[in-house]
Amino acid sequence: MTTFKGNLYGISALVMWSTMTALMRSVTEAFGVATGAALIYTIAAAALHAKERRINVRGIPRAYILGGGFFFALNAITYSMGIGMAVDHRQTLEVGMLNYLWPCLIVVLSIWINNQKLRWMVWPGTVLSLAGIFQCLTSGSEVTLGGFWTNILATPWPYAFGLTAAFSWGLYCNLSARYAKGHNSVPLLFLAAAVALWVNFFASGETLRFPGLWPLCELA
């Protein structure tokens, strides 16, 4: 893969990822926290396997499968739980803001995991990006720094899940860069995440419900 093609995929992923919070919130409101997340990853896994069809499991490094698979599934569970447990749409934005720390965490964790030598400009750039995330999410909304902290103290679990999701994705991306060695096991990881989410569904005691599809058209 060329550098240009890799960068294009990365930018496309950011654009699609930006819709994930609204999608996850809408689906969990319609189907339930555990059910909605399991359905999203099950459909995604089925689509990926239909495209890839055959995956050479034996050729994939075990460290990537075990380490990357664990943090991939952990991200799926904690992210869906954080968004789904938010008490209202305002808190959904706040949990999403914590989850959006993952680009910064990928850069910072790469220093520790992949021994990346970064210039000093990375640190003010990281602070600036965090300020930008906060500004984008709070501009024209009811989200404030004081209210954000108050909500964390009142209902900490959604925020803890959102932060865990950000760290797990940062760890997954760096482990992929170190151990994947060019292998594409994303369909397999989506399948593992779907299985983990269905296990979470059965453990949660949530019941299956299939309402009309109109709630899916509403943004969080």
N, C-alpha and C. Protein backbone atom coordinates (compact mmCIF):
# COMPACT_ATOMS: atom_id res chain seq x y z
N MET A 1 0.83 -1.19 0.00
CA MET A 1 0.00 0.00 0.00
C MET A 1 0.88 1.25 0.00
N THR A 2 0.56 2.19 -0.89
CA THR A 2 1.34 3.42 -0.96
C THR A 2 0.98 4.35 0.20
N THR A 3 1.88 5.32 0.46
CA THR A 3 1.63 6.27 1.54
C THR A 3 0.36 7.08 1.27
N PHE A 4 0.18 7.48 0.01
CA PHE A 4 -1.00 8.27 -0.35
C PHE A 4 -2.28 7.48 -0.09
N LYS A 5 -2.29 6.22 -0.50
CA LYS A 5 -3.47 5.39 -0.31
C LYS A 5 -3.74 5.16 1.17
N GLY A 6 -2.68 4.94 1.94
CA GLY A 6 -2.83 4.76 3.39
C GLY A 6 -3.40 6.00 4.05
N ASN A 7 -2.90 7.17 3.66
CA ASN A 7 -3.41 8.43 4.22
C ASN A 7 -4.87 8.65 3.83
N LEU A 8 -5.22 8.28 2.60
CA LEU A 8 -6.60 8.43 2.14
C LEU A 8 -7.54 7.55 2.95
N TYR A 9 -7.11 6.31 3.21
CA TYR A 9 -7.91 5.42 4.06
C TYR A 9 -8.06 6.02 5.47
N GLY A 10 -6.97 6.57 5.99
CA GLY A 10 -7.00 7.14 7.33
C GLY A 10 -7.97 8.31 7.44
N ILE A 11 -7.94 9.21 6.44
CA ILE A 11 -8.84 10.36 6.44
C ILE A 11 -10.29 9.90 6.29
N SER A 12 -10.52 8.92 5.43
CA SER A 12 -11.87 8.38 5.24
C SER A 12 -12.39 7.77 6.54
N ALA A 13 -11.49 7.09 7.26
CA ALA A 13 -11.89 6.49 8.54
C ALA A 13 -12.30 7.55 9.55
N LEU A 14 -11.58 8.68 9.56
CA LEU A 14 -11.93 9.77 10.48
C LEU A 14 -13.30 10.33 10.16
N VAL A 15 -13.59 10.50 8.87
CA VAL A 15 -14.89 11.03 8.47
C VAL A 15 -16.02 10.09 8.90
N MET A 16 -15.83 8.79 8.66
CA MET A 16 -16.86 7.83 9.03
C MET A 16 -16.96 7.69 10.55
N TRP A 17 -15.81 7.76 11.23
CA TRP A 17 -15.81 7.62 12.70
C TRP A 17 -16.58 8.77 13.35
N SER A 18 -16.57 9.94 12.71
CA SER A 18 -17.25 11.10 13.29
C SER A 18 -18.76 10.90 13.39
N THR A 19 -19.30 9.96 12.62
CA THR A 19 -20.75 9.69 12.67
C THR A 19 -21.08 8.59 13.67
N MET A 20 -20.07 7.97 14.26
CA MET A 20 -20.28 6.77 15.07
C MET A 20 -21.07 7.07 16.35
N THR A 21 -20.80 8.21 16.99
CA THR A 21 -21.50 8.53 18.23
C THR A 21 -22.99 8.66 18.00
N ALA A 22 -23.38 9.41 16.96
CA ALA A 22 -24.80 9.57 16.65
C ALA A 22 -25.44 8.25 16.27
N LEU A 23 -24.73 7.44 15.47
CA LEU A 23 -25.27 6.15 15.07
C LEU A 23 -25.47 5.24 16.27
N MET A 24 -24.45 5.15 17.13
CA MET A 24 -24.52 4.27 18.29
C MET A 24 -25.64 4.70 19.23
N ARG A 25 -25.78 6.01 19.44
CA ARG A 25 -26.83 6.50 20.33
C ARG A 25 -28.21 6.18 19.77
N SER A 26 -28.41 6.42 18.48
CA SER A 26 -29.71 6.17 17.85
C SER A 26 -30.08 4.69 17.91
N VAL A 27 -29.11 3.83 17.63
CA VAL A 27 -29.39 2.39 17.61
C VAL A 27 -29.64 1.87 19.02
N THR A 28 -28.87 2.33 20.01
CA THR A 28 -29.08 1.85 21.38
C THR A 28 -30.41 2.37 21.95
N GLU A 29 -30.83 3.56 21.54
CA GLU A 29 -32.13 4.05 21.97
C GLU A 29 -33.26 3.20 21.39
N ALA A 30 -33.06 2.73 20.16
CA ALA A 30 -34.10 1.96 19.49
C ALA A 30 -34.14 0.51 19.96
N PHE A 31 -32.97 -0.11 20.16
CA PHE A 31 -32.92 -1.55 20.43
C PHE A 31 -32.46 -1.90 21.84
N GLY A 32 -31.86 -0.96 22.55
CA GLY A 32 -31.27 -1.25 23.85
C GLY A 32 -29.76 -1.15 23.79
N VAL A 33 -29.12 -0.90 24.92
CA VAL A 33 -27.68 -0.66 24.96
C VAL A 33 -26.90 -1.87 24.44
N ALA A 34 -27.11 -3.03 25.05
CA ALA A 34 -26.36 -4.23 24.66
C ALA A 34 -26.79 -4.75 23.30
N THR A 35 -28.09 -4.75 23.03
CA THR A 35 -28.60 -5.28 21.76
C THR A 35 -28.13 -4.43 20.58
N GLY A 36 -28.24 -3.11 20.71
CA GLY A 36 -27.87 -2.22 19.62
C GLY A 36 -26.43 -2.37 19.21
N ALA A 37 -25.53 -2.40 20.19
CA ALA A 37 -24.11 -2.53 19.89
C ALA A 37 -23.81 -3.88 19.23
N ALA A 38 -24.42 -4.94 19.74
CA ALA A 38 -24.21 -6.27 19.17
C ALA A 38 -24.71 -6.34 17.73
N LEU A 39 -25.83 -5.70 17.44
CA LEU A 39 -26.36 -5.69 16.08
C LEU A 39 -25.44 -4.94 15.13
N ILE A 40 -24.92 -3.79 15.56
CA ILE A 40 -24.04 -2.99 14.70
C ILE A 40 -22.81 -3.79 14.31
N TYR A 41 -22.15 -4.40 15.28
CA TYR A 41 -20.92 -5.13 14.99
C TYR A 41 -21.19 -6.44 14.27
N THR A 42 -22.35 -7.06 14.49
CA THR A 42 -22.69 -8.28 13.77
C THR A 42 -22.90 -8.00 12.29
N ILE A 43 -23.63 -6.93 11.99
CA ILE A 43 -23.87 -6.56 10.59
C ILE A 43 -22.55 -6.15 9.92
N ALA A 44 -21.72 -5.40 10.64
CA ALA A 44 -20.42 -5.00 10.09
C ALA A 44 -19.54 -6.21 9.83
N ALA A 45 -19.52 -7.17 10.76
CA ALA A 45 -18.70 -8.37 10.58
C ALA A 45 -19.19 -9.19 9.39
N ALA A 46 -20.51 -9.30 9.24
CA ALA A 46 -21.06 -10.05 8.11
C ALA A 46 -20.68 -9.38 6.78
N ALA A 47 -20.76 -8.06 6.73
CA ALA A 47 -20.42 -7.35 5.50
C ALA A 47 -18.94 -7.51 5.16
N LEU A 48 -18.07 -7.43 6.17
CA LEU A 48 -16.64 -7.58 5.93
C LEU A 48 -16.29 -8.98 5.47
N HIS A 49 -16.90 -9.98 6.08
CA HIS A 49 -16.61 -11.37 5.69
C HIS A 49 -17.16 -11.67 4.29
N ALA A 50 -18.26 -11.03 3.92
CA ALA A 50 -18.79 -11.21 2.58
C ALA A 50 -17.83 -10.63 1.54
N LYS A 51 -17.13 -9.57 1.91
CA LYS A 51 -16.17 -8.94 1.00
C LYS A 51 -14.86 -9.72 0.94
N GLU A 52 -14.34 -10.09 2.11
CA GLU A 52 -13.03 -10.75 2.17
C GLU A 52 -13.12 -12.24 1.86
N ARG A 53 -14.23 -12.86 2.31
CA ARG A 53 -14.50 -14.29 2.10
C ARG A 53 -13.49 -15.18 2.82
N ARG A 54 -12.24 -15.19 2.42
CA ARG A 54 -11.26 -16.08 3.05
C ARG A 54 -10.19 -15.28 3.78
N ILE A 55 -9.90 -15.70 5.00
CA ILE A 55 -8.86 -15.05 5.80
C ILE A 55 -7.86 -16.11 6.24
N ASN A 56 -6.60 -15.90 5.96
CA ASN A 56 -5.55 -16.84 6.35
C ASN A 56 -5.21 -16.62 7.82
N VAL A 57 -5.92 -17.32 8.68
CA VAL A 57 -5.74 -17.14 10.12
C VAL A 57 -4.35 -17.58 10.56
N ARG A 58 -3.85 -18.64 9.95
CA ARG A 58 -2.54 -19.18 10.36
C ARG A 58 -1.41 -18.19 10.12
N GLY A 59 -1.54 -17.34 9.13
CA GLY A 59 -0.47 -16.41 8.82
C GLY A 59 -0.46 -15.15 9.67
N ILE A 60 -1.51 -14.94 10.46
CA ILE A 60 -1.62 -13.73 11.27
C ILE A 60 -0.81 -13.91 12.55
N PRO A 61 0.06 -12.97 12.91
CA PRO A 61 0.85 -13.09 14.14
C PRO A 61 -0.05 -13.23 15.37
N ARG A 62 0.30 -14.15 16.24
CA ARG A 62 -0.51 -14.42 17.43
C ARG A 62 -0.59 -13.21 18.35
N ALA A 63 0.50 -12.46 18.46
CA ALA A 63 0.49 -11.27 19.33
C ALA A 63 -0.54 -10.26 18.86
N TYR A 64 -0.69 -10.15 17.55
CA TYR A 64 -1.66 -9.23 17.00
C TYR A 64 -3.09 -9.71 17.26
N ILE A 65 -3.31 -11.01 17.06
CA ILE A 65 -4.65 -11.56 17.27
C ILE A 65 -5.08 -11.44 18.73
N LEU A 66 -4.18 -11.82 19.64
CA LEU A 66 -4.53 -11.83 21.06
C LEU A 66 -4.58 -10.41 21.63
N GLY A 67 -3.49 -9.65 21.43
CA GLY A 67 -3.44 -8.30 21.98
C GLY A 67 -4.38 -7.35 21.27
N GLY A 68 -4.28 -7.32 19.93
CA GLY A 68 -5.15 -6.44 19.16
C GLY A 68 -6.61 -6.82 19.30
N GLY A 69 -6.89 -8.13 19.27
CA GLY A 69 -8.27 -8.59 19.40
C GLY A 69 -8.88 -8.21 20.74
N PHE A 70 -8.09 -8.32 21.80
CA PHE A 70 -8.60 -7.97 23.13
C PHE A 70 -8.99 -6.50 23.20
N PHE A 71 -8.09 -5.61 22.76
CA PHE A 71 -8.37 -4.18 22.86
C PHE A 71 -9.43 -3.74 21.85
N PHE A 72 -9.53 -4.43 20.71
CA PHE A 72 -10.58 -4.13 19.74
C PHE A 72 -11.94 -4.43 20.35
N ALA A 73 -12.08 -5.62 20.95
CA ALA A 73 -13.34 -6.00 21.58
C ALA A 73 -13.64 -5.12 22.79
N LEU A 74 -12.61 -4.79 23.56
CA LEU A 74 -12.79 -3.92 24.73
C LEU A 74 -13.30 -2.55 24.29
N ASN A 75 -12.77 -2.04 23.20
CA ASN A 75 -13.24 -0.75 22.69
C ASN A 75 -14.71 -0.83 22.29
N ALA A 76 -15.10 -1.91 21.61
CA ALA A 76 -16.49 -2.05 21.17
C ALA A 76 -17.44 -2.08 22.36
N ILE A 77 -17.08 -2.81 23.40
CA ILE A 77 -17.96 -2.94 24.56
C ILE A 77 -18.04 -1.64 25.35
N THR A 78 -16.89 -1.05 25.67
CA THR A 78 -16.89 0.14 26.51
C THR A 78 -17.46 1.35 25.80
N TYR A 79 -17.20 1.47 24.49
CA TYR A 79 -17.74 2.59 23.74
C TYR A 79 -19.26 2.53 23.67
N SER A 80 -19.79 1.36 23.35
CA SER A 80 -21.24 1.21 23.27
C SER A 80 -21.90 1.39 24.62
N MET A 81 -21.27 0.89 25.68
CA MET A 81 -21.83 1.04 27.02
C MET A 81 -21.83 2.51 27.45
N GLY A 82 -20.73 3.21 27.16
CA GLY A 82 -20.64 4.62 27.53
C GLY A 82 -21.70 5.45 26.85
N ILE A 83 -21.86 5.28 25.53
CA ILE A 83 -22.85 6.04 24.77
C ILE A 83 -24.27 5.64 25.17
N GLY A 84 -24.49 4.34 25.32
CA GLY A 84 -25.82 3.86 25.65
C GLY A 84 -26.28 4.22 27.06
N MET A 85 -25.34 4.32 28.01
CA MET A 85 -25.70 4.62 29.40
C MET A 85 -25.85 6.11 29.66
N ALA A 86 -25.48 6.96 28.71
CA ALA A 86 -25.64 8.40 28.90
C ALA A 86 -27.11 8.73 29.15
N VAL A 87 -27.36 9.59 30.12
CA VAL A 87 -28.74 9.85 30.54
C VAL A 87 -29.49 10.73 29.56
N ASP A 88 -28.80 11.53 28.77
CA ASP A 88 -29.46 12.37 27.78
C ASP A 88 -28.49 12.66 26.64
N HIS A 89 -28.94 13.44 25.64
CA HIS A 89 -28.11 13.72 24.48
C HIS A 89 -26.94 14.62 24.82
N ARG A 90 -27.10 15.47 25.81
CA ARG A 90 -25.99 16.32 26.24
C ARG A 90 -24.86 15.47 26.80
N GLN A 91 -25.20 14.50 27.63
CA GLN A 91 -24.17 13.62 28.19
C GLN A 91 -23.57 12.73 27.11
N THR A 92 -24.35 12.41 26.09
CA THR A 92 -23.81 11.65 24.96
C THR A 92 -22.67 12.41 24.30
N LEU A 93 -22.85 13.72 24.11
CA LEU A 93 -21.79 14.55 23.54
C LEU A 93 -20.55 14.56 24.43
N GLU A 94 -20.77 14.60 25.74
CA GLU A 94 -19.65 14.66 26.67
C GLU A 94 -18.87 13.34 26.67
N VAL A 95 -19.58 12.22 26.65
CA VAL A 95 -18.92 10.92 26.58
C VAL A 95 -18.19 10.78 25.24
N GLY A 96 -18.83 11.27 24.18
CA GLY A 96 -18.19 11.24 22.87
C GLY A 96 -16.92 12.07 22.85
N MET A 97 -16.93 13.20 23.59
CA MET A 97 -15.76 14.05 23.65
C MET A 97 -14.59 13.31 24.30
N LEU A 98 -14.86 12.54 25.33
CA LEU A 98 -13.79 11.74 25.95
C LEU A 98 -13.29 10.69 24.98
N ASN A 99 -14.20 10.06 24.25
CA ASN A 99 -13.79 9.04 23.30
C ASN A 99 -12.93 9.62 22.18
N TYR A 100 -13.16 10.89 21.85
CA TYR A 100 -12.40 11.53 20.78
C TYR A 100 -10.96 11.85 21.18
N LEU A 101 -10.57 11.42 22.37
CA LEU A 101 -9.17 11.54 22.77
C LEU A 101 -8.30 10.51 22.05
N TRP A 102 -8.92 9.53 21.38
CA TRP A 102 -8.13 8.44 20.80
C TRP A 102 -7.09 8.88 19.78
N PRO A 103 -7.31 9.89 18.92
CA PRO A 103 -6.21 10.27 18.01
C PRO A 103 -4.97 10.75 18.76
N CYS A 104 -5.21 11.54 19.81
CA CYS A 104 -4.08 12.01 20.62
C CYS A 104 -3.39 10.84 21.33
N LEU A 105 -4.20 9.92 21.83
CA LEU A 105 -3.63 8.78 22.56
C LEU A 105 -2.83 7.86 21.64
N ILE A 106 -3.24 7.75 20.37
CA ILE A 106 -2.46 6.95 19.43
C ILE A 106 -1.05 7.52 19.32
N VAL A 107 -0.95 8.84 19.22
CA VAL A 107 0.36 9.49 19.08
C VAL A 107 1.17 9.33 20.36
N VAL A 108 0.55 9.62 21.50
CA VAL A 108 1.27 9.58 22.77
C VAL A 108 1.71 8.15 23.11
N LEU A 109 0.81 7.17 22.94
CA LEU A 109 1.14 5.79 23.27
C LEU A 109 2.17 5.18 22.32
N SER A 110 2.28 5.75 21.11
CA SER A 110 3.28 5.23 20.17
C SER A 110 4.70 5.45 20.69
N ILE A 111 4.88 6.45 21.54
CA ILE A 111 6.20 6.69 22.14
C ILE A 111 6.59 5.52 23.03
N TRP A 112 5.63 4.99 23.75
CA TRP A 112 5.89 3.90 24.70
C TRP A 112 5.90 2.54 24.00
N ILE A 113 4.94 2.29 23.10
CA ILE A 113 4.79 0.97 22.51
C ILE A 113 5.75 0.76 21.34
N ASN A 114 5.83 1.73 20.44
CA ASN A 114 6.61 1.57 19.22
C ASN A 114 7.91 2.37 19.20
N ASN A 115 8.25 2.94 20.35
CA ASN A 115 9.51 3.69 20.47
C ASN A 115 9.66 4.79 19.41
N GLN A 116 8.54 5.46 19.16
CA GLN A 116 8.58 6.54 18.19
C GLN A 116 9.30 7.76 18.79
N LYS A 117 10.17 8.34 18.00
CA LYS A 117 10.85 9.55 18.43
C LYS A 117 10.11 10.75 17.85
N LEU A 118 9.44 11.45 18.72
CA LEU A 118 8.61 12.56 18.29
C LEU A 118 9.25 13.89 18.66
N ARG A 119 8.99 14.88 17.85
CA ARG A 119 9.51 16.21 18.11
C ARG A 119 8.72 16.88 19.23
N TRP A 120 9.30 17.92 19.79
CA TRP A 120 8.65 18.60 20.91
C TRP A 120 7.32 19.24 20.49
N MET A 121 7.15 19.48 19.20
CA MET A 121 5.91 20.09 18.72
C MET A 121 4.69 19.20 18.92
N VAL A 122 4.93 17.90 19.16
CA VAL A 122 3.81 16.98 19.38
C VAL A 122 3.00 17.39 20.59
N TRP A 123 3.67 17.83 21.65
CA TRP A 123 2.97 18.12 22.90
C TRP A 123 2.07 19.35 22.82
N PRO A 124 2.55 20.51 22.34
CA PRO A 124 1.61 21.62 22.16
C PRO A 124 0.55 21.29 21.11
N GLY A 125 0.90 20.48 20.10
CA GLY A 125 -0.09 20.07 19.11
C GLY A 125 -1.19 19.22 19.73
N THR A 126 -0.81 18.35 20.68
CA THR A 126 -1.79 17.52 21.37
C THR A 126 -2.75 18.37 22.20
N VAL A 127 -2.18 19.34 22.92
CA VAL A 127 -3.01 20.24 23.73
C VAL A 127 -3.95 21.04 22.84
N LEU A 128 -3.44 21.50 21.71
CA LEU A 128 -4.26 22.28 20.78
C LEU A 128 -5.39 21.43 20.20
N SER A 129 -5.11 20.18 19.90
CA SER A 129 -6.15 19.31 19.35
C SER A 129 -7.24 19.03 20.38
N LEU A 130 -6.84 18.87 21.65
CA LEU A 130 -7.83 18.66 22.71
C LEU A 130 -8.71 19.88 22.87
N ALA A 131 -8.09 21.05 22.81
CA ALA A 131 -8.87 22.29 22.90
C ALA A 131 -9.83 22.42 21.72
N GLY A 132 -9.38 21.98 20.55
CA GLY A 132 -10.23 22.01 19.37
C GLY A 132 -11.42 21.09 19.48
N ILE A 133 -11.18 19.89 20.02
CA ILE A 133 -12.28 18.93 20.23
C ILE A 133 -13.32 19.52 21.16
N PHE A 134 -12.87 20.12 22.25
CA PHE A 134 -13.80 20.70 23.22
C PHE A 134 -14.57 21.85 22.60
N GLN A 135 -13.87 22.69 21.82
CA GLN A 135 -14.52 23.84 21.20
C GLN A 135 -15.58 23.40 20.19
N CYS A 136 -15.26 22.39 19.40
CA CYS A 136 -16.22 21.91 18.40
C CYS A 136 -17.47 21.32 19.04
N LEU A 137 -17.30 20.59 20.13
CA LEU A 137 -18.43 19.93 20.76
C LEU A 137 -19.26 20.87 21.61
N THR A 138 -18.66 21.94 22.11
CA THR A 138 -19.39 22.85 22.99
C THR A 138 -19.96 24.05 22.24
N SER A 139 -19.47 24.33 21.06
CA SER A 139 -19.94 25.49 20.30
C SER A 139 -21.41 25.31 19.92
N GLY A 140 -22.24 26.22 20.40
CA GLY A 140 -23.66 26.18 20.07
C GLY A 140 -24.44 25.12 20.83
N SER A 141 -23.83 24.51 21.84
CA SER A 141 -24.53 23.48 22.62
C SER A 141 -24.55 23.89 24.09
N GLU A 142 -25.19 23.05 24.90
CA GLU A 142 -25.30 23.33 26.32
C GLU A 142 -24.14 22.75 27.13
N VAL A 143 -23.18 22.15 26.46
CA VAL A 143 -22.04 21.53 27.14
C VAL A 143 -21.07 22.61 27.61
N THR A 144 -20.76 22.61 28.89
CA THR A 144 -19.79 23.53 29.47
C THR A 144 -18.79 22.74 30.30
N LEU A 145 -17.64 23.34 30.56
CA LEU A 145 -16.61 22.64 31.34
C LEU A 145 -17.10 22.36 32.75
N GLY A 146 -17.78 23.35 33.37
CA GLY A 146 -18.30 23.15 34.72
C GLY A 146 -19.37 22.08 34.77
N GLY A 147 -20.28 22.11 33.80
CA GLY A 147 -21.33 21.10 33.74
C GLY A 147 -20.77 19.72 33.44
N PHE A 148 -19.72 19.69 32.63
CA PHE A 148 -19.05 18.44 32.29
C PHE A 148 -18.51 17.76 33.54
N TRP A 149 -17.83 18.52 34.38
CA TRP A 149 -17.26 17.96 35.61
C TRP A 149 -18.35 17.56 36.59
N THR A 150 -19.42 18.34 36.67
CA THR A 150 -20.54 18.01 37.55
C THR A 150 -21.19 16.69 37.14
N ASN A 151 -21.36 16.50 35.85
CA ASN A 151 -21.97 15.26 35.35
C ASN A 151 -21.07 14.05 35.60
N ILE A 152 -19.75 14.25 35.51
CA ILE A 152 -18.83 13.15 35.80
C ILE A 152 -18.99 12.68 37.24
N LEU A 153 -19.10 13.63 38.16
CA LEU A 153 -19.26 13.28 39.57
C LEU A 153 -20.61 12.63 39.85
N ALA A 154 -21.64 13.06 39.11
CA ALA A 154 -22.99 12.54 39.35
C ALA A 154 -23.16 11.14 38.75
N THR A 155 -22.70 10.94 37.53
CA THR A 155 -22.83 9.63 36.86
C THR A 155 -21.49 9.28 36.21
N PRO A 156 -20.55 8.73 36.96
CA PRO A 156 -19.19 8.51 36.44
C PRO A 156 -19.05 7.37 35.43
N TRP A 157 -19.95 6.37 35.46
CA TRP A 157 -19.74 5.19 34.63
C TRP A 157 -19.72 5.46 33.13
N PRO A 158 -20.64 6.25 32.57
CA PRO A 158 -20.55 6.50 31.13
C PRO A 158 -19.23 7.15 30.72
N TYR A 159 -18.70 8.04 31.57
CA TYR A 159 -17.44 8.72 31.26
C TYR A 159 -16.26 7.76 31.41
N ALA A 160 -16.34 6.88 32.41
CA ALA A 160 -15.27 5.89 32.58
C ALA A 160 -15.21 4.95 31.38
N PHE A 161 -16.38 4.55 30.88
CA PHE A 161 -16.42 3.70 29.69
C PHE A 161 -15.90 4.43 28.47
N GLY A 162 -16.28 5.71 28.31
CA GLY A 162 -15.81 6.49 27.17
C GLY A 162 -14.30 6.66 27.17
N LEU A 163 -13.72 6.91 28.34
CA LEU A 163 -12.28 7.07 28.45
C LEU A 163 -11.56 5.75 28.21
N THR A 164 -12.11 4.66 28.73
CA THR A 164 -11.53 3.34 28.50
C THR A 164 -11.54 2.99 27.02
N ALA A 165 -12.62 3.35 26.33
CA ALA A 165 -12.71 3.11 24.90
C ALA A 165 -11.62 3.85 24.15
N ALA A 166 -11.35 5.09 24.55
CA ALA A 166 -10.31 5.88 23.88
C ALA A 166 -8.93 5.25 24.08
N PHE A 167 -8.63 4.83 25.30
CA PHE A 167 -7.33 4.21 25.58
C PHE A 167 -7.21 2.86 24.86
N SER A 168 -8.28 2.07 24.85
CA SER A 168 -8.21 0.76 24.21
C SER A 168 -8.00 0.89 22.71
N TRP A 169 -8.60 1.92 22.09
CA TRP A 169 -8.38 2.10 20.66
C TRP A 169 -6.97 2.59 20.36
N GLY A 170 -6.44 3.46 21.22
CA GLY A 170 -5.06 3.89 21.06
C GLY A 170 -4.09 2.73 21.18
N LEU A 171 -4.36 1.82 22.11
CA LEU A 171 -3.51 0.65 22.28
C LEU A 171 -3.65 -0.30 21.10
N TYR A 172 -4.87 -0.49 20.63
CA TYR A 172 -5.08 -1.39 19.48
C TYR A 172 -4.34 -0.89 18.24
N CYS A 173 -4.43 0.39 17.95
CA CYS A 173 -3.78 0.93 16.75
C CYS A 173 -2.27 0.77 16.82
N ASN A 174 -1.69 0.99 17.98
CA ASN A 174 -0.24 0.87 18.11
C ASN A 174 0.21 -0.59 18.08
N LEU A 175 -0.57 -1.47 18.67
CA LEU A 175 -0.24 -2.90 18.60
C LEU A 175 -0.36 -3.41 17.16
N SER A 176 -1.33 -2.88 16.42
CA SER A 176 -1.48 -3.26 15.02
C SER A 176 -0.26 -2.84 14.22
N ALA A 177 0.19 -1.61 14.46
CA ALA A 177 1.35 -1.11 13.73
C ALA A 177 2.60 -1.93 14.04
N ARG A 178 2.67 -2.46 15.25
CA ARG A 178 3.88 -3.20 15.66
C ARG A 178 3.85 -4.67 15.26
N TYR A 179 2.67 -5.31 15.36
CA TYR A 179 2.62 -6.76 15.21
C TYR A 179 1.87 -7.27 13.98
N ALA A 180 1.05 -6.45 13.33
CA ALA A 180 0.22 -6.95 12.24
C ALA A 180 1.04 -7.42 11.05
N LYS A 181 2.14 -6.73 10.76
CA LYS A 181 3.05 -7.10 9.66
C LYS A 181 2.31 -7.23 8.32
N GLY A 182 1.42 -6.29 8.08
CA GLY A 182 0.74 -6.24 6.80
C GLY A 182 -0.48 -7.12 6.67
N HIS A 183 -0.80 -7.92 7.69
CA HIS A 183 -1.96 -8.81 7.62
C HIS A 183 -3.24 -8.03 7.92
N ASN A 184 -4.28 -8.32 7.18
CA ASN A 184 -5.59 -7.70 7.39
C ASN A 184 -6.51 -8.69 8.09
N SER A 185 -6.66 -8.52 9.38
CA SER A 185 -7.55 -9.41 10.14
C SER A 185 -8.74 -8.64 10.71
N VAL A 186 -9.03 -7.46 10.12
CA VAL A 186 -10.14 -6.65 10.61
C VAL A 186 -11.46 -7.41 10.60
N PRO A 187 -11.80 -8.17 9.53
CA PRO A 187 -13.05 -8.94 9.58
C PRO A 187 -13.09 -9.91 10.76
N LEU A 188 -11.96 -10.54 11.05
CA LEU A 188 -11.90 -11.47 12.18
C LEU A 188 -12.08 -10.73 13.51
N LEU A 189 -11.50 -9.54 13.61
CA LEU A 189 -11.63 -8.76 14.84
C LEU A 189 -13.06 -8.27 15.04
N PHE A 190 -13.72 -7.89 13.95
CA PHE A 190 -15.12 -7.49 14.05
C PHE A 190 -15.99 -8.67 14.50
N LEU A 191 -15.66 -9.85 14.01
CA LEU A 191 -16.40 -11.04 14.43
C LEU A 191 -16.18 -11.30 15.92
N ALA A 192 -14.93 -11.16 16.38
CA ALA A 192 -14.64 -11.34 17.80
C ALA A 192 -15.37 -10.31 18.65
N ALA A 193 -15.41 -9.06 18.17
CA ALA A 193 -16.11 -8.00 18.90
C ALA A 193 -17.61 -8.29 18.95
N ALA A 194 -18.17 -8.78 17.83
CA ALA A 194 -19.60 -9.12 17.81
C ALA A 194 -19.92 -10.22 18.81
N VAL A 195 -19.06 -11.25 18.85
CA VAL A 195 -19.26 -12.34 19.81
C VAL A 195 -19.19 -11.81 21.25
N ALA A 196 -18.19 -10.95 21.52
CA ALA A 196 -18.04 -10.37 22.85
C ALA A 196 -19.27 -9.54 23.23
N LEU A 197 -19.82 -8.82 22.27
CA LEU A 197 -20.99 -7.99 22.55
C LEU A 197 -22.24 -8.83 22.78
N TRP A 198 -22.36 -9.96 22.09
CA TRP A 198 -23.50 -10.84 22.35
C TRP A 198 -23.37 -11.51 23.72
N VAL A 199 -22.13 -11.85 24.10
CA VAL A 199 -21.90 -12.36 25.45
C VAL A 199 -22.30 -11.31 26.48
N ASN A 200 -21.92 -10.05 26.22
CA ASN A 200 -22.32 -8.95 27.09
C ASN A 200 -23.84 -8.79 27.13
N PHE A 201 -24.49 -9.01 25.99
CA PHE A 201 -25.96 -8.92 25.93
C PHE A 201 -26.60 -9.96 26.84
N PHE A 202 -26.16 -11.21 26.74
CA PHE A 202 -26.75 -12.27 27.56
C PHE A 202 -26.42 -12.07 29.05
N ALA A 203 -25.23 -11.54 29.32
CA ALA A 203 -24.85 -11.30 30.72
C ALA A 203 -25.64 -10.14 31.32
N SER A 204 -26.04 -9.18 30.48
CA SER A 204 -26.75 -8.00 30.98
C SER A 204 -28.20 -8.29 31.34
N GLY A 205 -28.76 -9.39 30.81
CA GLY A 205 -30.15 -9.70 31.08
C GLY A 205 -31.12 -8.89 30.23
N GLU A 206 -30.61 -8.16 29.27
CA GLU A 206 -31.45 -7.35 28.39
C GLU A 206 -32.23 -8.27 27.45
N THR A 207 -33.44 -7.87 27.09
CA THR A 207 -34.28 -8.67 26.20
C THR A 207 -34.26 -8.09 24.79
N LEU A 208 -34.40 -8.95 23.80
CA LEU A 208 -34.44 -8.51 22.41
C LEU A 208 -35.73 -7.75 22.14
N ARG A 209 -35.58 -6.61 21.48
CA ARG A 209 -36.77 -5.86 21.05
C ARG A 209 -36.47 -5.22 19.71
N PHE A 210 -37.41 -5.29 18.82
CA PHE A 210 -37.22 -4.77 17.47
C PHE A 210 -38.32 -3.77 17.15
N PRO A 211 -38.12 -2.52 17.51
CA PRO A 211 -39.12 -1.49 17.24
C PRO A 211 -39.09 -1.10 15.77
N GLY A 212 -39.94 -0.14 15.40
CA GLY A 212 -39.91 0.39 14.04
C GLY A 212 -38.57 1.05 13.76
N LEU A 213 -38.26 1.23 12.48
CA LEU A 213 -36.95 1.75 12.09
C LEU A 213 -36.88 3.26 12.15
N TRP A 214 -37.98 3.94 12.44
CA TRP A 214 -37.93 5.41 12.41
C TRP A 214 -36.98 6.04 13.40
N PRO A 215 -36.72 5.46 14.61
CA PRO A 215 -35.77 6.11 15.52
C PRO A 215 -34.36 6.19 14.94
N LEU A 216 -34.02 5.30 13.99
CA LEU A 216 -32.68 5.30 13.44
C LEU A 216 -32.40 6.55 12.60
N CYS A 217 -33.45 7.25 12.21
CA CYS A 217 -33.28 8.45 11.39
C CYS A 217 -33.00 9.68 12.23
N GLU A 218 -33.11 9.52 13.55
CA GLU A 218 -32.90 10.66 14.43
C GLU A 218 -31.46 10.69 14.90
N LEU A 219 -30.83 11.83 14.84
CA LEU A 219 -29.46 11.97 15.33
C LEU A 219 -29.49 12.07 16.83
N ALA A 220 -28.40 11.64 17.45
CA ALA A 220 -28.29 11.74 18.90
C ALA A 220 -28.20 13.20 19.31
